[in-house]
C-alpha atoms as a PDB file:
ATOM      1  CA  MET A   1      -0.104   0.142  -0.094  1.00  0.00           C
ATOM      2  CA  ASP A   2       1.306   3.547  -0.937  1.00  0.00           C
ATOM      3  CA  SER A   3       1.475   5.264   2.628  1.00  0.00           C
ATOM      4  CA  SER A   4       1.141   8.602   0.636  1.00  0.00           C
ATOM      5  CA  ILE A   5      -2.417   7.807  -0.216  1.00  0.00           C
ATOM      6  CA  THR A   6      -4.843   8.264   2.527  1.00  0.00           C
ATOM      7  CA  PRO A   7      -8.534   8.323   2.695  1.00  0.00           C
ATOM      8  CA  GLU A   8      -9.071  11.752   4.508  1.00  0.00           C
ATOM      9  CA  ARG A   9     -10.656  13.621   1.650  1.00  0.00           C
ATOM     10  CA  ILE A  10     -12.891  10.649   1.264  1.00  0.00           C
ATOM     11  CA  LEU A  11     -13.935  10.581   4.619  1.00  0.00           C
ATOM     12  CA  GLN A  12     -14.065  14.630   5.015  1.00  0.00           C
ATOM     13  CA  LEU A  13     -16.794  14.529   2.075  1.00  0.00           C
ATOM     14  CA  GLY A  14     -18.387  11.322   3.183  1.00  0.00           C
ATOM     15  CA  MET A  15     -19.271  12.724   6.603  1.00  0.00           C
ATOM     16  CA  GLY A  16     -19.426  16.296   5.330  1.00  0.00           C
ATOM     17  CA  PHE A  17     -23.267  16.207   6.404  1.00  0.00           C
ATOM     18  CA  TRP A  18     -22.112  16.633  10.208  1.00  0.00           C
ATOM     19  CA  GLY A  19     -20.494  19.855   9.291  1.00  0.00           C
ATOM     20  CA  ALA A  20     -23.435  21.066   7.094  1.00  0.00           C
ATOM     21  CA  LYS A  21     -25.927  20.611   9.586  1.00  0.00           C
ATOM     22  CA  THR A  22     -23.864  22.161  12.220  1.00  0.00           C
ATOM     23  CA  LEU A  23     -23.890  25.159  10.227  1.00  0.00           C
ATOM     24  CA  LEU A  24     -27.567  24.882   9.488  1.00  0.00           C
ATOM     25  CA  SER A  25     -28.337  24.698  13.043  1.00  0.00           C
ATOM     26  CA  ALA A  26     -26.543  27.554  13.896  1.00  0.00           C
ATOM     27  CA  VAL A  27     -28.077  29.916  11.537  1.00  0.00           C
ATOM     28  CA  GLU A  28     -31.430  28.413  12.408  1.00  0.00           C
ATOM     29  CA  LEU A  29     -30.689  29.387  16.268  1.00  0.00           C
ATOM     30  CA  GLY A  30     -29.627  32.634  14.951  1.00  0.00           C
ATOM     31  CA  LEU A  31     -26.269  32.476  16.578  1.00  0.00           C
ATOM     32  CA  PHE A  32     -24.480  34.469  14.669  1.00  0.00           C
ATOM     33  CA  THR A  33     -27.152  37.408  15.063  1.00  0.00           C
ATOM     34  CA  GLU A  34     -26.667  37.315  18.563  1.00  0.00           C
ATOM     35  CA  LEU A  35     -22.590  37.492  18.251  1.00  0.00           C
ATOM     36  CA  ALA A  36     -23.304  40.818  15.933  1.00  0.00           C
ATOM     37  CA  GLU A  37     -22.861  43.521  18.611  1.00  0.00           C
ATOM     38  CA  GLU A  38     -20.225  41.805  20.640  1.00  0.00           C
ATOM     39  CA  PRO A  39     -18.384  38.506  21.634  1.00  0.00           C
ATOM     40  CA  LEU A  40     -20.163  36.158  24.278  1.00  0.00           C
ATOM     41  CA  ARG A  41     -18.693  33.619  26.567  1.00  0.00           C
ATOM     42  CA  GLY A  42     -20.160  30.118  25.875  1.00  0.00           C
ATOM     43  CA  ASP A  43     -22.217  29.862  28.692  1.00  0.00           C
ATOM     44  CA  ALA A  44     -23.876  33.304  28.172  1.00  0.00           C
ATOM     45  CA  LEU A  45     -24.385  32.328  24.362  1.00  0.00           C
ATOM     46  CA  ALA A  46     -25.786  29.095  25.490  1.00  0.00           C
ATOM     47  CA  ALA A  47     -28.446  30.546  27.670  1.00  0.00           C
ATOM     48  CA  ARG A  48     -29.597  33.034  24.794  1.00  0.00           C
ATOM     49  CA  LEU A  49     -29.827  30.069  22.326  1.00  0.00           C
ATOM     50  CA  LYS A  50     -31.447  27.727  25.114  1.00  0.00           C
ATOM     51  CA  LEU A  51     -28.846  25.046  24.427  1.00  0.00           C
ATOM     52  CA  HIS A  52     -28.601  22.412  26.875  1.00  0.00           C
ATOM     53  CA  PRO A  53     -25.320  22.165  29.114  1.00  0.00           C
ATOM     54  CA  ARG A  54     -24.380  19.144  27.624  1.00  0.00           C
ATOM     55  CA  SER A  55     -24.199  20.192  23.706  1.00  0.00           C
ATOM     56  CA  TRP A  56     -23.104  23.991  23.963  1.00  0.00           C
ATOM     57  CA  ARG A  57     -19.330  23.615  24.377  1.00  0.00           C
ATOM     58  CA  ASP A  58     -18.611  21.062  21.442  1.00  0.00           C
ATOM     59  CA  PHE A  59     -20.961  22.737  19.239  1.00  0.00           C
ATOM     60  CA  LEU A  60     -19.358  26.139  19.372  1.00  0.00           C
ATOM     61  CA  ASP A  61     -16.103  24.627  19.411  1.00  0.00           C
ATOM     62  CA  ALA A  62     -16.921  22.691  16.307  1.00  0.00           C
ATOM     63  CA  LEU A  63     -18.062  26.110  14.811  1.00  0.00           C
ATOM     64  CA  VAL A  64     -14.714  27.509  15.568  1.00  0.00           C
ATOM     65  CA  ALA A  65     -12.624  24.432  14.152  1.00  0.00           C
ATOM     66  CA  LEU A  66     -15.059  24.771  10.944  1.00  0.00           C
ATOM     67  CA  GLY A  67     -13.985  28.393  10.619  1.00  0.00           C
ATOM     68  CA  MET A  68     -17.407  29.608  11.307  1.00  0.00           C
ATOM     69  CA  LEU A  69     -16.725  31.209  14.651  1.00  0.00           C
ATOM     70  CA  ARG A  70     -13.385  32.865  16.509  1.00  0.00           C
ATOM     71  CA  ARG A  71     -13.066  32.207  20.073  1.00  0.00           C
ATOM     72  CA  GLU A  72     -10.851  34.820  21.679  1.00  0.00           C
ATOM     73  CA  GLU A  73      -8.333  34.457  24.227  1.00  0.00           C
ATOM     74  CA  ASP A  74     -10.628  35.261  26.819  1.00  0.00           C
ATOM     75  CA  GLY A  75     -13.125  32.250  26.047  1.00  0.00           C
ATOM     76  CA  ARG A  76     -15.326  34.575  24.417  1.00  0.00           C
ATOM     77  CA  TYR A  77     -16.903  33.573  20.903  1.00  0.00           C
ATOM     78  CA  ALA A  78     -16.983  35.873  18.118  1.00  0.00           C
ATOM     79  CA  ASN A  79     -18.307  35.955  14.652  1.00  0.00           C
ATOM     80  CA  THR A  80     -15.322  35.791  11.857  1.00  0.00           C
ATOM     81  CA  PRO A  81     -15.563  38.586   9.192  1.00  0.00           C
ATOM     82  CA  GLU A  82     -17.599  36.481   6.684  1.00  0.00           C
ATOM     83  CA  THR A  83     -20.200  35.416   9.311  1.00  0.00           C
ATOM     84  CA  GLY A  84     -20.426  38.555  10.694  1.00  0.00           C
ATOM     85  CA  MET A  85     -21.126  39.951   7.138  1.00  0.00           C
ATOM     86  CA  PHE A  86     -23.433  37.449   5.729  1.00  0.00           C
ATOM     87  CA  LEU A  87     -25.215  35.507   8.443  1.00  0.00           C
ATOM     88  CA  VAL A  88     -26.359  38.273  10.614  1.00  0.00           C
ATOM     89  CA  ARG A  89     -29.964  38.759   9.724  1.00  0.00           C
ATOM     90  CA  THR A  90     -30.138  42.459  10.573  1.00  0.00           C
ATOM     91  CA  ARG A  91     -27.413  43.402   7.663  1.00  0.00           C
ATOM     92  CA  PRO A  92     -27.904  44.090   3.883  1.00  0.00           C
ATOM     93  CA  GLY A  93     -25.319  41.189   2.985  1.00  0.00           C
ATOM     94  CA  TYR A  94     -27.472  38.531   4.657  1.00  0.00           C
ATOM     95  CA  ILE A  95     -27.486  35.036   2.710  1.00  0.00           C
ATOM     96  CA  GLY A  96     -28.866  32.574   5.467  1.00  0.00           C
ATOM     97  CA  GLY A  97     -32.197  32.529   3.801  1.00  0.00           C
ATOM     98  CA  MET A  98     -31.028  29.928   1.517  1.00  0.00           C
ATOM     99  CA  LEU A  99     -29.420  28.085   4.312  1.00  0.00           C
ATOM    100  CA  GLU A 100     -32.643  28.516   6.455  1.00  0.00           C
ATOM    101  CA  MET A 101     -34.475  26.817   3.534  1.00  0.00           C
ATOM    102  CA  ALA A 102     -32.013  24.408   2.912  1.00  0.00           C
ATOM    103  CA  ASN A 103     -32.423  23.273   6.504  1.00  0.00           C
ATOM    104  CA  ALA A 104     -36.237  23.480   6.639  1.00  0.00           C
ATOM    105  CA  ARG A 105     -36.568  21.551   3.283  1.00  0.00           C
ATOM    106  CA  LEU A 106     -33.382  20.311   1.099  1.00  0.00           C
ATOM    107  CA  TYR A 107     -31.537  18.646   4.052  1.00  0.00           C
ATOM    108  CA  GLY A 108     -34.455  16.107   4.498  1.00  0.00           C
ATOM    109  CA  PHE A 109     -35.258  15.678   0.771  1.00  0.00           C
ATOM    110  CA  TRP A 110     -31.372  15.016   0.112  1.00  0.00           C
ATOM    111  CA  GLY A 111     -31.579  11.823   2.385  1.00  0.00           C
ATOM    112  CA  SER A 112     -33.641  10.122  -0.558  1.00  0.00           C
ATOM    113  CA  LEU A 113     -30.780  10.965  -3.224  1.00  0.00           C
ATOM    114  CA  THR A 114     -30.455   7.382  -4.218  1.00  0.00           C
ATOM    115  CA  GLU A 115     -34.023   6.462  -4.793  1.00  0.00           C
ATOM    116  CA  ALA A 116     -34.080   9.670  -7.091  1.00  0.00           C
ATOM    117  CA  LEU A 117     -31.015   8.398  -8.633  1.00  0.00           C
ATOM    118  CA  ARG A 118     -32.620   4.920  -9.344  1.00  0.00           C
ATOM    119  CA  THR A 119     -36.168   6.469 -10.261  1.00  0.00           C
ATOM    120  CA  GLY A 120     -35.465   9.954 -11.618  1.00  0.00           C
ATOM    121  CA  GLN A 121     -38.480  11.008  -9.815  1.00  0.00           C
ATOM    122  CA  PRO A 122     -38.861  14.244  -7.147  1.00  0.00           C
ATOM    123  CA  GLN A 123     -38.125  13.372  -3.738  1.00  0.00           C
ATOM    124  CA  ASN A 124     -39.685  16.686  -1.999  1.00  0.00           C
ATOM    125  CA  GLU A 125     -43.445  17.063  -1.207  1.00  0.00           C
ATOM    126  CA  GLN A 126     -44.588  15.804  -4.819  1.00  0.00           C
ATOM    127  CA  LYS A 127     -43.391  12.294  -3.382  1.00  0.00           C
ATOM    128  CA  THR A 128     -46.519  12.134  -1.189  1.00  0.00           C
ATOM    129  CA  GLY A 129     -48.804  13.632  -3.848  1.00  0.00           C
ATOM    130  CA  GLY A 130     -48.276  17.336  -2.908  1.00  0.00           C
ATOM    131  CA  ASN A 131     -47.124  20.320  -4.870  1.00  0.00           C
ATOM    132  CA  VAL A 132     -43.892  21.911  -3.973  1.00  0.00           C
ATOM    133  CA  PHE A 133     -45.569  25.543  -4.919  1.00  0.00           C
ATOM    134  CA  ASP A 134     -48.597  24.722  -3.041  1.00  0.00           C
ATOM    135  CA  ALA A 135     -46.591  23.860   0.210  1.00  0.00           C
ATOM    136  CA  VAL A 136     -44.428  26.701  -0.006  1.00  0.00           C
ATOM    137  CA  TYR A 137     -46.918  29.510  -1.353  1.00  0.00           C
ATOM    138  CA  LYS A 138     -49.942  28.671   1.037  1.00  0.00           C
ATOM    139  CA  ASP A 139     -48.361  29.486   4.185  1.00  0.00           C
ATOM    140  CA  PRO A 140     -47.330  33.141   4.243  1.00  0.00           C
ATOM    141  CA  ALA A 141     -44.152  32.201   6.558  1.00  0.00           C
ATOM    142  CA  ASN A 142     -43.007  29.338   4.275  1.00  0.00           C
ATOM    143  CA  LEU A 143     -43.231  31.705   1.208  1.00  0.00           C
ATOM    144  CA  ARG A 144     -41.282  34.355   3.090  1.00  0.00           C
ATOM    145  CA  ARG A 145     -38.740  32.121   4.219  1.00  0.00           C
ATOM    146  CA  PHE A 146     -38.557  30.716   0.654  1.00  0.00           C
ATOM    147  CA  LEU A 147     -38.342  34.074  -1.085  1.00  0.00           C
ATOM    148  CA  GLN A 148     -35.675  34.976   1.596  1.00  0.00           C
ATOM    149  CA  GLY A 149     -33.739  31.893   0.306  1.00  0.00           C
ATOM    150  CA  MET A 150     -33.847  32.996  -2.950  1.00  0.00           C
ATOM    151  CA  SER A 151     -32.429  36.371  -2.142  1.00  0.00           C
ATOM    152  CA  GLY A 152     -29.367  34.653  -0.349  1.00  0.00           C
ATOM    153  CA  ALA A 153     -28.918  32.381  -3.488  1.00  0.00           C
ATOM    154  CA  SER A 154     -29.067  35.733  -5.749  1.00  0.00           C
ATOM    155  CA  LEU A 155     -27.210  38.525  -3.938  1.00  0.00           C
ATOM    156  CA  ILE A 156     -23.752  38.126  -5.023  1.00  0.00           C
ATOM    157  CA  PRO A 157     -24.383  36.999  -8.500  1.00  0.00           C
ATOM    158  CA  ALA A 158     -27.065  40.018  -8.651  1.00  0.00           C
ATOM    159  CA  ARG A 159     -24.052  42.304  -7.264  1.00  0.00           C
ATOM    160  CA  ALA A 160     -22.126  41.014 -10.113  1.00  0.00           C
ATOM    161  CA  ILE A 161     -24.494  41.540 -12.613  1.00  0.00           C
ATOM    162  CA  ALA A 162     -24.805  45.268 -11.643  1.00  0.00           C
ATOM    163  CA  ALA A 163     -21.153  45.813 -12.060  1.00  0.00           C
ATOM    164  CA  LYS A 164     -20.441  44.046 -15.346  1.00  0.00           C
ATOM    165  CA  PHE A 165     -23.504  44.137 -17.278  1.00  0.00           C
ATOM    166  CA  PRO A 166     -23.486  47.293 -19.715  1.00  0.00           C
ATOM    167  CA  TRP A 167     -26.429  49.054 -18.070  1.00  0.00           C
ATOM    168  CA  LYS A 168     -25.762  52.447 -19.263  1.00  0.00           C
ATOM    169  CA  ARG A 169     -26.921  51.060 -22.638  1.00  0.00           C
ATOM    170  CA  TYR A 170     -30.322  50.633 -21.192  1.00  0.00           C
ATOM    171  CA  GLN A 171     -33.292  52.413 -19.319  1.00  0.00           C
ATOM    172  CA  SER A 172     -35.472  49.665 -18.068  1.00  0.00           C
ATOM    173  CA  PHE A 173     -35.346  45.803 -16.962  1.00  0.00           C
ATOM    174  CA  ALA A 174     -37.678  42.779 -15.724  1.00  0.00           C
ATOM    175  CA  ASP A 175     -36.765  40.347 -13.440  1.00  0.00           C
ATOM    176  CA  ILE A 176     -38.367  37.276 -14.163  1.00  0.00           C
ATOM    177  CA  GLY A 177     -39.442  35.447 -11.219  1.00  0.00           C
ATOM    178  CA  THR A 178     -38.328  37.980  -9.332  1.00  0.00           C
ATOM    179  CA  ALA A 179     -38.935  36.439  -5.648  1.00  0.00           C
ATOM    180  CA  GLN A 180     -38.280  38.975  -2.965  1.00  0.00           C
ATOM    181  CA  GLY A 181     -36.850  41.381  -5.531  1.00  0.00           C
ATOM    182  CA  CYS A 182     -33.119  40.944  -4.695  1.00  0.00           C
ATOM    183  CA  LEU A 183     -31.826  41.545  -8.040  1.00  0.00           C
ATOM    184  CA  PRO A 184     -34.184  44.558  -8.967  1.00  0.00           C
ATOM    185  CA  VAL A 185     -32.750  46.145  -5.603  1.00  0.00           C
ATOM    186  CA  GLN A 186     -29.338  45.655  -6.231  1.00  0.00           C
ATOM    187  CA  LEU A 187     -29.520  47.145  -9.979  1.00  0.00           C
ATOM    188  CA  ALA A 188     -31.757  50.034  -8.704  1.00  0.00           C
ATOM    189  CA  LEU A 189     -29.312  50.787  -6.004  1.00  0.00           C
ATOM    190  CA  GLU A 190     -26.057  50.526  -8.475  1.00  0.00           C
ATOM    191  CA  HIS A 191     -27.731  52.529 -11.448  1.00  0.00           C
ATOM    192  CA  GLU A 192     -29.874  55.496 -10.683  1.00  0.00           C
ATOM    193  CA  HIS A 193     -31.123  55.626 -14.361  1.00  0.00           C
ATOM    194  CA  LEU A 194     -32.831  52.399 -14.388  1.00  0.00           C
ATOM    195  CA  THR A 195     -36.464  51.144 -13.644  1.00  0.00           C
ATOM    196  CA  GLY A 196     -37.677  48.058 -13.015  1.00  0.00           C
ATOM    197  CA  ILE A 197     -40.465  45.170 -12.629  1.00  0.00           C
ATOM    198  CA  GLY A 198     -40.299  42.300 -10.646  1.00  0.00           C
ATOM    199  CA  PHE A 199     -42.366  39.734 -12.259  1.00  0.00           C
ATOM    200  CA  ASP A 200     -43.498  36.788 -10.023  1.00  0.00           C
ATOM    201  CA  LEU A 201     -46.702  35.062  -8.878  1.00  0.00           C
ATOM    202  CA  PRO A 202     -49.395  37.033  -7.107  1.00  0.00           C
ATOM    203  CA  PRO A 203     -48.698  35.662  -3.733  1.00  0.00           C
ATOM    204  CA  VAL A 204     -44.995  37.323  -4.012  1.00  0.00           C
ATOM    205  CA  ARG A 205     -46.138  40.734  -4.337  1.00  0.00           C
ATOM    206  CA  PRO A 206     -46.394  41.935  -0.766  1.00  0.00           C
ATOM    207  CA  VAL A 207     -43.069  40.345   0.174  1.00  0.00           C
ATOM    208  CA  PHE A 208     -41.431  42.027  -2.734  1.00  0.00           C
ATOM    209  CA  GLU A 209     -43.142  45.297  -1.955  1.00  0.00           C
ATOM    210  CA  GLN A 210     -42.206  45.234   1.641  1.00  0.00           C
ATOM    211  CA  TYR A 211     -38.616  44.357   0.466  1.00  0.00           C
ATOM    212  CA  VAL A 212     -38.122  47.331  -2.257  1.00  0.00           C
ATOM    213  CA  SER A 213     -40.000  49.811   0.345  1.00  0.00           C
ATOM    214  CA  GLU A 214     -37.443  48.914   2.877  1.00  0.00           C
ATOM    215  CA  HIS A 215     -34.591  49.903   0.530  1.00  0.00           C
ATOM    216  CA  GLN A 216     -36.683  53.140  -0.341  1.00  0.00           C
ATOM    217  CA  LEU A 217     -37.091  52.163  -4.274  1.00  0.00           C
ATOM    218  CA  SER A 218     -40.848  51.984  -4.856  1.00  0.00           C
ATOM    219  CA  GLY A 219     -40.713  54.847  -6.915  1.00  0.00           C
ATOM    220  CA  ARG A 220     -38.584  53.059  -9.479  1.00  0.00           C
ATOM    221  CA  LEU A 221     -39.409  49.229  -8.850  1.00  0.00           C
ATOM    222  CA  ARG A 222     -42.725  47.858  -9.353  1.00  0.00           C
ATOM    223  CA  PHE A 223     -44.353  44.486  -9.260  1.00  0.00           C
ATOM    224  CA  GLN A 224     -46.045  42.579 -12.122  1.00  0.00           C
ATOM    225  CA  ASP A 225     -48.195  39.475 -11.359  1.00  0.00           C
ATOM    226  CA  GLY A 226     -47.940  36.930 -13.978  1.00  0.00           C
ATOM    227  CA  ASP A 227     -47.263  33.192 -14.623  1.00  0.00           C
ATOM    228  CA  PHE A 228     -44.553  32.954 -17.502  1.00  0.00           C
ATOM    229  CA  PHE A 229     -45.735  30.012 -19.098  1.00  0.00           C
ATOM    230  CA  ARG A 230     -49.151  31.523 -18.908  1.00  0.00           C
ATOM    231  CA  ASN A 231     -48.870  35.348 -19.656  1.00  0.00           C
ATOM    232  CA  PRO A 232     -46.712  37.466 -21.864  1.00  0.00           C
ATOM    233  CA  LEU A 233     -43.460  38.642 -20.161  1.00  0.00           C
ATOM    234  CA  PRO A 234     -43.177  42.090 -19.422  1.00  0.00           C
ATOM    235  CA  GLU A 235     -41.749  44.475 -21.894  1.00  0.00           C
ATOM    236  CA  ALA A 236     -38.484  46.225 -21.033  1.00  0.00           C
ATOM    237  CA  ASP A 237     -35.032  46.968 -22.553  1.00  0.00           C
ATOM    238  CA  VAL A 238     -33.466  43.797 -20.668  1.00  0.00           C
ATOM    239  CA  LEU A 239     -35.045  40.369 -19.212  1.00  0.00           C
ATOM    240  CA  VAL A 240     -33.344  38.728 -16.698  1.00  0.00           C
ATOM    241  CA  MET A 241     -33.879  34.943 -15.857  1.00  0.00           C
ATOM    242  CA  GLY A 242     -31.971  34.186 -12.507  1.00  0.00           C
ATOM    243  CA  HIS A 243     -32.066  30.477 -11.228  1.00  0.00           C
ATOM    244  CA  ILE A 244     -34.784  30.187 -13.062  1.00  0.00           C
ATOM    245  CA  LEU A 245     -34.285  28.422 -16.504  1.00  0.00           C
ATOM    246  CA  HIS A 246     -32.817  25.082 -14.494  1.00  0.00           C
ATOM    247  CA  ASP A 247     -36.233  24.518 -12.798  1.00  0.00           C
ATOM    248  CA  TRP A 248     -37.294  23.377 -16.210  1.00  0.00           C
ATOM    249  CA  ASP A 249     -37.367  20.580 -18.720  1.00  0.00           C
ATOM    250  CA  LEU A 250     -35.528  21.175 -22.200  1.00  0.00           C
ATOM    251  CA  GLU A 251     -38.960  22.089 -23.817  1.00  0.00           C
ATOM    252  CA  GLN A 252     -39.811  24.248 -21.219  1.00  0.00           C
ATOM    253  CA  LYS A 253     -36.439  25.979 -21.263  1.00  0.00           C
ATOM    254  CA  LYS A 254     -36.889  26.855 -24.970  1.00  0.00           C
ATOM    255  CA  ALA A 255     -40.299  28.273 -24.614  1.00  0.00           C
ATOM    256  CA  LEU A 256     -39.097  30.717 -21.909  1.00  0.00           C
ATOM    257  CA  LEU A 257     -36.129  31.937 -24.420  1.00  0.00           C
ATOM    258  CA  ALA A 258     -38.321  32.344 -26.925  1.00  0.00           C
ATOM    259  CA  ALA A 259     -40.885  34.147 -24.964  1.00  0.00           C
ATOM    260  CA  ALA A 260     -38.243  36.410 -23.724  1.00  0.00           C
ATOM    261  CA  LEU A 261     -37.303  37.008 -27.227  1.00  0.00           C
ATOM    262  CA  ARG A 262     -41.130  38.034 -28.357  1.00  0.00           C
ATOM    263  CA  ALA A 263     -41.169  40.567 -25.577  1.00  0.00           C
ATOM    264  CA  LEU A 264     -37.901  42.354 -26.056  1.00  0.00           C
ATOM    265  CA  PRO A 265     -37.208  45.354 -28.583  1.00  0.00           C
ATOM    266  CA  ARG A 266     -34.665  45.062 -31.245  1.00  0.00           C
ATOM    267  CA  GLY A 267     -31.303  45.388 -29.273  1.00  0.00           C
ATOM    268  CA  GLY A 268     -32.654  44.379 -26.099  1.00  0.00           C
ATOM    269  CA  ALA A 269     -31.045  41.511 -24.039  1.00  0.00           C
ATOM    270  CA  LEU A 270     -31.890  38.554 -22.039  1.00  0.00           C
ATOM    271  CA  VAL A 271     -29.454  37.711 -19.094  1.00  0.00           C
ATOM    272  CA  VAL A 272     -30.075  34.400 -17.596  1.00  0.00           C
ATOM    273  CA  TYR A 273     -27.829  33.172 -14.946  1.00  0.00           C
ATOM    274  CA  ASP A 274     -27.352  30.114 -12.749  1.00  0.00           C
ATOM    275  CA  ALA A 275     -24.729  28.208 -11.363  1.00  0.00           C
ATOM    276  CA  ILE A 276     -23.697  27.154 -14.987  1.00  0.00           C
ATOM    277  CA  ILE A 277     -21.728  23.833 -15.421  1.00  0.00           C
ATOM    278  CA  ASP A 278     -18.397  24.430 -16.841  1.00  0.00           C
ATOM    279  CA  ASP A 279     -18.461  23.241 -20.748  1.00  0.00           C
ATOM    280  CA  ALA A 280     -15.827  20.237 -19.697  1.00  0.00           C
ATOM    281  CA  ARG A 281     -18.212  19.429 -16.816  1.00  0.00           C
ATOM    282  CA  ARG A 282     -15.346  18.938 -14.562  1.00  0.00           C
ATOM    283  CA  THR A 283     -14.589  22.001 -12.081  1.00  0.00           C
ATOM    284  CA  ASN A 284     -18.104  23.636 -11.278  1.00  0.00           C
ATOM    285  CA  ALA A 285     -18.954  20.846  -8.579  1.00  0.00           C
ATOM    286  CA  LEU A 286     -21.828  23.295  -7.273  1.00  0.00           C
ATOM    287  CA  GLY A 287     -23.287  23.608 -10.670  1.00  0.00           C
ATOM    288  CA  LEU A 288     -23.291  19.713 -10.952  1.00  0.00           C
ATOM    289  CA  LEU A 289     -24.767  19.163  -7.210  1.00  0.00           C
ATOM    290  CA  MET A 290     -27.251  21.685  -8.132  1.00  0.00           C
ATOM    291  CA  SER A 291     -28.398  19.605 -11.233  1.00  0.00           C
ATOM    292  CA  LEU A 292     -29.154  16.875  -8.857  1.00  0.00           C
ATOM    293  CA  ASN A 293     -31.053  19.057  -6.519  1.00  0.00           C
ATOM    294  CA  MET A 294     -33.476  19.459  -9.616  1.00  0.00           C
ATOM    295  CA  LEU A 295     -33.537  16.128  -9.688  1.00  0.00           C
ATOM    296  CA  ILE A 296     -34.892  15.904  -6.113  1.00  0.00           C
ATOM    297  CA  GLU A 297     -37.004  18.770  -6.164  1.00  0.00           C
ATOM    298  CA  THR A 298     -38.764  18.913 -10.117  1.00  0.00           C
ATOM    299  CA  ARG A 299     -39.763  16.348 -12.255  1.00  0.00           C
ATOM    300  CA  GLY A 300     -37.670  17.681 -15.532  1.00  0.00           C
ATOM    301  CA  GLY A 301     -35.251  20.530 -14.234  1.00  0.00           C
ATOM    302  CA  PHE A 302     -31.471  20.080 -14.819  1.00  0.00           C
ATOM    303  CA  ASP A 303     -28.597  22.577 -15.044  1.00  0.00           C
ATOM    304  CA  TYR A 304     -26.714  23.090 -18.000  1.00  0.00           C
ATOM    305  CA  THR A 305     -23.202  24.681 -19.387  1.00  0.00           C
ATOM    306  CA  GLY A 306     -22.683  27.627 -20.738  1.00  0.00           C
ATOM    307  CA  ALA A 307     -22.378  26.021 -24.313  1.00  0.00           C
ATOM    308  CA  ASP A 308     -25.859  24.591 -23.819  1.00  0.00           C
ATOM    309  CA  CYS A 309     -27.398  27.798 -23.134  1.00  0.00           C
ATOM    310  CA  ALA A 310     -25.794  29.696 -25.679  1.00  0.00           C
ATOM    311  CA  GLY A 311     -26.759  27.045 -28.562  1.00  0.00           C
ATOM    312  CA  TRP A 312     -30.648  27.485 -27.274  1.00  0.00           C
ATOM    313  CA  MET A 313     -30.538  31.078 -27.287  1.00  0.00           C
ATOM    314  CA  ARG A 314     -29.277  31.096 -30.737  1.00  0.00           C
ATOM    315  CA  GLU A 315     -31.991  28.229 -31.669  1.00  0.00           C
ATOM    316  CA  ALA A 316     -34.515  30.407 -30.340  1.00  0.00           C
ATOM    317  CA  GLY A 317     -33.103  33.873 -32.380  1.00  0.00           C
ATOM    318  CA  PHE A 318     -30.555  35.873 -30.352  1.00  0.00           C
ATOM    319  CA  GLY A 319     -28.169  36.801 -33.171  1.00  0.00           C
ATOM    320  CA  GLU A 320     -25.398  37.990 -30.530  1.00  0.00           C
ATOM    321  CA  VAL A 321     -24.555  35.471 -27.423  1.00  0.00           C
ATOM    322  CA  ARG A 322     -21.737  35.551 -24.987  1.00  0.00           C
ATOM    323  CA  ILE A 323     -20.857  33.946 -21.655  1.00  0.00           C
ATOM    324  CA  GLU A 324     -19.374  35.640 -18.914  1.00  0.00           C
ATOM    325  CA  HIS A 325     -18.718  34.608 -15.159  1.00  0.00           C
ATOM    326  CA  LEU A 326     -19.944  36.517 -12.571  1.00  0.00           C
ATOM    327  CA  ALA A 327     -18.955  35.254  -9.068  1.00  0.00           C
ATOM    328  CA  GLY A 328     -18.143  31.832  -7.498  1.00  0.00           C
ATOM    329  CA  PRO A 329     -20.111  29.308  -9.148  1.00  0.00           C
ATOM    330  CA  ASP A 330     -22.401  31.770 -11.166  1.00  0.00           C
ATOM    331  CA  SER A 331     -21.966  32.812 -14.345  1.00  0.00           C
ATOM    332  CA  MET A 332     -24.360  34.668 -16.971  1.00  0.00           C
ATOM    333  CA  VAL A 333     -25.275  33.969 -20.672  1.00  0.00           C
ATOM    334  CA  ILE A 334     -26.629  37.158 -22.292  1.00  0.00           C
ATOM    335  CA  GLY A 335     -28.577  37.144 -25.655  1.00  0.00           C
ATOM    336  CA  VAL A 336     -28.998  40.159 -27.763  1.00  0.00           C
ATOM    337  CA  LYS A 337     -32.105  40.649 -30.195  1.00  0.00           C
ATOM    338  CA  THR A 338     -30.543  41.954 -33.348  1.00  0.00           C
ATOM    339  CA  ALA A 339     -33.551  41.486 -35.762  1.00  0.00           C
END
């Protein structure tokens, strides 16, 4: 046996759910928010979070070892720069909604991945005859958590789109499947000349309007009810589909791209962004895992490469197509209507 080869990576990956669930529980408990103002001793933090005396020390020190907390020399626990910026609920960079959604829904569903791999069938609410949208949209609390989760997934790529796309050439945009309105808010904050529409199902309206109002952007951003498979898409200079296309099968993907082309003026642009898989399908692990998540969550959805999406756009009739990396695993595919 070659002593230089060890099973360390295998074990870290195979038991990775231990660390993942530790972080998800910390977010659920609001641990990082409790540490927003100042470091706390472990017993004081445990009391605030109502943790059992047997659990808190290992729990907090595990988060230290995982790089999610700092423990100072006097024994007090503090957020890291990353958790202080992105996991404090009261701060604008909060992405914990995505993790809250993962904890409440996805963690349990992923326990049935083997069954999904063998059957090709969803393992979420649909498995027992339910409907994922009914489960999420009928309960206002679940809906708000879900939409906040979408903001968590969209915040970093939305900021990158605001910086990298040539918005000076355009005056208006519509975000298709806008959820809470993360992308419209980021675009409006960065570009004062833009006006925008958030397009989504009717129950989303109050969450969108509250979020937009909190950012004092109600005068430039508005909500439009609609189902993008049943209603025409809003007319605007730029249409954006973020973390939308991967939800659907190939026929539905192409139908959405065709609908976008119809809604755009000549010279208008469609921006599609997702955790787009690298063309060689070797390096963007998150994109590939997201596609497995679509296997668990949908009947036909899948993630795709930049080359895949560019080909579908050209087939739909977009004359100019390019692919640009955004941040982390996310990239955007831009199609321009030239005729």
